[in-house]
Protein backbone atom coordinates (compact mmCIF):
# COMPACT_ATOMS: atom_id res chain seq x y z
CA MET A 1 0.00 0.00 0.00
CA LYS A 2 1.14 3.54 -0.68
CA ILE A 3 1.98 5.89 2.19
CA LYS A 4 -0.70 8.23 0.78
CA ASN A 5 -3.31 5.57 1.55
CA ILE A 6 -1.93 4.57 4.95
CA LEU A 7 -1.32 8.04 6.40
CA PRO A 8 -4.98 9.20 6.39
CA MET A 9 -6.04 5.97 8.12
CA ILE A 10 -3.41 6.39 10.83
CA LEU A 11 -4.31 10.05 11.30
CA PHE A 12 -7.99 9.17 11.51
CA LEU A 13 -7.34 6.65 14.29
CA VAL A 14 -4.99 8.97 16.16
CA SER A 15 -7.52 11.78 15.98
CA PHE A 16 -9.87 9.93 18.32
CA SER A 17 -7.31 10.25 21.09
CA PHE A 18 -7.47 14.03 21.18
CA PHE A 19 -11.24 13.98 21.62
CA GLY A 20 -10.97 11.63 24.56
CA GLN A 21 -8.64 13.88 26.53
CA ASN A 22 -9.83 16.48 29.01
CA GLY A 23 -6.95 18.87 28.24
CA LYS A 24 -7.17 22.55 27.66
CA THR A 25 -8.80 24.06 24.60
CA ASP A 26 -5.43 25.26 23.29
CA GLU A 27 -4.03 21.73 23.44
CA LYS A 28 -7.02 20.37 21.54
CA ARG A 29 -6.74 23.17 19.00
CA GLU A 30 -3.06 22.38 18.45
CA LYS A 31 -3.79 18.68 17.98
CA ILE A 32 -6.57 19.45 15.53
CA LYS A 33 -4.27 21.84 13.71
CA ALA A 34 -1.54 19.17 13.47
CA TYR A 35 -4.10 16.68 12.17
CA LYS A 36 -5.29 19.25 9.63
CA VAL A 37 -1.72 19.93 8.44
CA SER A 38 -1.13 16.21 7.94
CA PHE A 39 -4.45 15.77 6.18
CA LEU A 40 -3.91 18.72 3.83
CA THR A 41 -0.31 17.74 3.11
CA THR A 42 -1.47 14.30 2.03
CA GLU A 43 -4.40 15.58 -0.02
CA LEU A 44 -2.60 18.43 -1.80
CA GLU A 45 0.54 16.51 -2.75
CA LEU A 46 2.64 19.69 -2.52
CA ASN A 47 6.17 19.62 -3.85
CA SER A 48 8.89 20.99 -1.57
CA THR A 49 8.94 24.43 -3.19
CA GLU A 50 5.16 24.79 -2.95
CA ALA A 51 5.11 23.55 0.64
CA GLU A 52 7.86 25.95 1.68
CA LYS A 53 5.86 28.92 0.37
CA PHE A 54 2.36 27.64 1.11
CA TRP A 55 2.52 26.75 4.82
CA PRO A 56 3.63 30.16 6.17
CA ILE A 57 0.81 31.88 4.21
CA TYR A 58 -1.76 29.27 5.22
CA ASN A 59 -0.75 29.22 8.90
CA THR A 60 -0.82 33.02 9.17
CA TYR A 61 -4.25 33.12 7.56
CA ASP A 62 -5.56 30.27 9.70
CA ASP A 63 -4.35 31.88 12.94
CA LYS A 64 -5.81 35.29 12.10
CA GLN A 65 -9.09 33.73 10.99
CA TYR A 66 -9.30 31.74 14.21
CA GLU A 67 -8.60 34.83 16.28
CA LEU A 68 -11.31 36.80 14.50
CA ARG A 69 -13.92 34.08 14.69
CA HIS A 70 -13.30 32.91 18.22
CA GLU A 71 -12.32 36.07 19.99
CA LYS A 72 -14.41 38.74 18.33
CA ILE A 73 -17.40 37.12 16.67
CA LYS A 74 -18.05 34.55 19.40
CA ALA A 75 -17.87 37.30 22.01
CA TYR A 76 -20.62 39.16 20.16
CA MET A 77 -22.67 36.02 19.71
CA ARG A 78 -22.57 35.28 23.44
CA LYS A 79 -24.30 38.61 23.96
CA LEU A 80 -27.10 37.47 21.67
CA ASP A 81 -28.71 34.77 23.75
CA ASP A 82 -32.49 35.07 24.09
CA ASP A 83 -32.44 36.83 27.46
CA ASN A 84 -29.94 39.47 26.35
CA ILE A 85 -31.69 40.22 23.06
CA ASN A 86 -34.94 40.93 24.85
CA SER A 87 -33.35 43.16 27.47
CA ILE A 88 -30.94 45.34 25.47
CA SER A 89 -31.92 48.74 24.14
CA GLU A 90 -32.20 49.55 20.45
CA LYS A 91 -29.07 51.70 20.74
CA GLU A 92 -27.08 48.80 22.29
CA ALA A 93 -28.42 46.43 19.62
CA SER A 94 -27.36 48.85 16.88
CA ALA A 95 -23.86 49.18 18.36
CA LEU A 96 -23.52 45.39 18.63
CA LEU A 97 -24.72 44.96 15.06
CA SER A 98 -22.08 47.46 13.88
CA GLN A 99 -19.37 45.52 15.75
CA ILE A 100 -20.51 42.25 14.15
CA GLU A 101 -20.53 43.83 10.68
CA SER A 102 -17.05 45.21 11.28
CA ALA A 103 -15.73 41.77 12.32
CA ASP A 104 -17.41 40.17 9.27
CA LYS A 105 -15.79 42.77 7.00
CA GLU A 106 -12.40 42.15 8.63
CA LEU A 107 -12.83 38.42 8.03
CA TYR A 108 -13.78 39.03 4.40
CA LEU A 109 -10.75 41.30 3.80
CA LEU A 110 -8.50 38.69 5.40
CA ARG A 111 -9.89 36.06 3.01
CA VAL A 112 -9.33 38.36 0.00
CA LYS A 113 -5.69 38.93 1.00
CA TYR A 114 -5.18 35.21 1.61
CA ASN A 115 -6.62 34.33 -1.81
CA SER A 116 -4.36 36.88 -3.47
CA ASP A 117 -1.29 35.55 -1.65
CA ILE A 118 -2.08 31.88 -2.23
CA LYS A 119 -2.58 32.41 -5.99
CA LYS A 120 1.10 33.37 -6.18
CA VAL A 121 2.09 29.98 -4.76
CA LEU A 122 -0.42 27.38 -5.95
CA SER A 123 -2.10 26.68 -9.27
CA ALA A 124 -5.84 27.29 -9.57
CA LYS A 125 -6.37 23.52 -9.63
CA LYS A 126 -4.49 23.03 -6.33
CA ILE A 127 -6.39 25.93 -4.74
CA LEU A 128 -9.66 24.22 -5.62
CA LYS A 129 -8.25 20.97 -4.27
CA LEU A 130 -7.31 22.84 -1.07
CA LYS A 131 -10.86 24.17 -0.65
CA LYS A 132 -12.31 20.69 -1.18
CA SER A 133 -9.78 19.16 1.23
CA GLU A 134 -10.60 21.75 3.91
CA ASP A 135 -14.30 20.95 3.54
CA ASP A 136 -13.57 17.21 3.70
CA PHE A 137 -11.45 17.72 6.81
CA ASN A 138 -14.16 19.77 8.52
CA ARG A 139 -16.83 17.17 7.71
CA LYS A 140 -14.59 14.39 9.03
CA LEU A 141 -13.88 16.32 12.23
CA LEU A 142 -17.56 17.11 12.74
CA LYS A 143 -18.47 13.46 12.19
CA GLN A 144 -15.91 12.39 14.81
CA TYR A 145 -17.30 14.96 17.24
CA ARG A 146 -20.88 13.78 16.64
CA ASP A 147 -19.88 10.12 16.97
CA LYS A 148 -18.11 10.85 20.25
CA ALA A 149 -21.06 12.88 21.56
CA ALA A 150 -23.42 10.01 20.68
CA LYS A 151 -21.28 7.57 22.69
CA ASP A 152 -21.19 9.82 25.78
């Protein structure tokens, strides 16, 4: 069997171990990130030149995206539970909506810059393969999470 066929199976089995641990969120995030890097490396079949240029761009984008989504947007969303929505004033709601729109715009601009940078490194075909691989990875991760939640 080729290493390309074996590596995803090994990574899939290893991935269950990080869901079973009660470690900190940062530790879980790092393990997921490592799993994602392995998964994408296998799927994209990057040559050494592409990999050398691709990973710094991808990691910078991924870190900034995570920061935006989890620190800013999630903070706003926590304010939007049913009790808070009913009790805030129209002025507070308008201010919160502006903050959310600003974070969404920042995320969009980050994505535009990332796409521009990545086009300098990868072919259009590999960029499409990257997008598909990211979706596949996310579905696989979500399935593992659901399977684990069903067992608990």
